[in-house]
């Protein structure tokens, strides 16, 4: 099975934020580090899912926007990154 990687624009679209917000997320110590390929940053989808689920678990979020700046959630799981 091949890992799926997301560009900054794709990640921003999935999280329903701007690419600038993704840049701000990158400055957070706990945000997953991207794989650098040339001048592009790529994030493994599986790593992002684990990160968002961890954030939701820490916040006990079950309502949209309750997990801080990670974007909308549904039933504790981000709808944009749902498997």
Protein backbone atom coordinates (compact mmCIF):
# COMPACT_ATOMS: atom_id res chain seq x y z
CA UNK A 1 0.00 0.00 0.00
CA UNK A 2 1.37 3.41 -0.93
CA UNK A 3 1.18 6.35 1.41
CA UNK A 4 -0.87 9.28 0.20
CA UNK A 5 0.83 12.66 0.52
CA UNK A 6 -0.82 16.06 0.52
CA UNK A 7 0.54 19.42 -0.60
CA UNK A 8 -0.01 22.55 1.47
CA UNK A 9 -2.91 23.59 -0.78
CA UNK A 10 -4.55 20.15 -0.52
CA UNK A 11 -4.07 20.12 3.26
CA UNK A 12 -5.58 23.59 3.56
CA UNK A 13 -8.57 22.50 1.49
CA UNK A 14 -9.13 19.40 3.62
CA UNK A 15 -8.90 21.35 6.87
CA UNK A 16 -11.02 24.14 5.39
CA UNK A 17 -8.44 26.81 6.17
CA UNK A 18 -6.18 29.01 4.06
CA UNK A 19 -2.67 27.94 3.02
CA UNK A 20 -1.39 30.75 5.27
CA UNK A 21 -3.07 29.07 8.23
CA UNK A 22 -1.27 25.82 7.37
CA UNK A 23 1.97 27.83 7.44
CA UNK A 24 1.04 29.04 10.92
CA UNK A 25 0.27 25.47 11.99
CA UNK A 26 3.77 24.47 10.83
CA UNK A 27 5.22 26.79 13.47
CA UNK A 28 3.52 24.81 16.23
CA UNK A 29 5.85 22.32 17.87
CA UNK A 30 3.21 19.57 17.93
CA UNK A 31 2.10 19.87 14.27
CA UNK A 32 3.40 17.01 12.06
CA UNK A 33 6.56 17.87 10.18
CA UNK A 34 6.28 17.69 6.39
CA UNK A 35 8.47 15.68 4.08
CA UNK A 36 10.50 18.16 2.03
CA UNK A 37 10.69 17.25 -1.67
CA UNK A 38 12.55 19.92 -3.59
CA UNK A 39 10.78 23.14 -2.65
CA UNK A 40 7.52 21.43 -1.73
CA UNK A 41 6.29 20.31 1.66
CA UNK A 42 4.28 17.10 1.64
CA UNK A 43 2.36 15.61 4.58
CA UNK A 44 1.46 11.93 4.92
CA UNK A 45 -2.33 11.67 5.16
CA UNK A 46 -2.11 8.92 7.82
CA UNK A 47 0.10 11.12 10.02
CA UNK A 48 -2.34 14.01 9.76
CA UNK A 49 -5.31 11.79 10.61
CA UNK A 50 -3.51 10.55 13.73
CA UNK A 51 -2.60 14.13 14.72
CA UNK A 52 -6.14 15.47 14.30
CA UNK A 53 -7.66 12.51 16.14
CA UNK A 54 -5.20 13.13 18.98
CA UNK A 55 -6.18 16.80 19.10
CA UNK A 56 -9.85 15.90 19.17
CA UNK A 57 -9.24 13.35 21.93
CA UNK A 58 -7.35 15.88 24.06
CA UNK A 59 -10.06 18.49 23.69
CA UNK A 60 -12.91 16.02 24.14
CA UNK A 61 -14.44 17.67 21.09
CA UNK A 62 -17.72 16.44 19.72
CA UNK A 63 -18.99 19.65 18.18
CA UNK A 64 -17.76 21.59 15.14
CA UNK A 65 -14.81 23.85 15.86
CA UNK A 66 -14.38 22.59 19.43
CA UNK A 67 -10.86 21.31 18.82
CA UNK A 68 -9.30 24.72 18.36
CA UNK A 69 -7.96 25.74 14.98
CA UNK A 70 -8.11 22.36 13.26
CA UNK A 71 -11.35 23.01 11.42
CA UNK A 72 -14.80 21.45 11.59
CA UNK A 73 -15.33 18.08 13.24
CA UNK A 74 -18.24 15.69 13.30
CA UNK A 75 -18.72 13.24 16.17
CA UNK A 76 -15.14 13.78 17.31
CA UNK A 77 -13.57 13.05 13.91
CA UNK A 78 -12.64 15.56 11.24
CA UNK A 79 -14.97 15.08 8.30
CA UNK A 80 -12.35 16.27 5.84
CA UNK A 81 -9.84 13.59 6.85
CA UNK A 82 -12.27 10.77 7.55
CA UNK A 83 -11.21 7.40 6.28
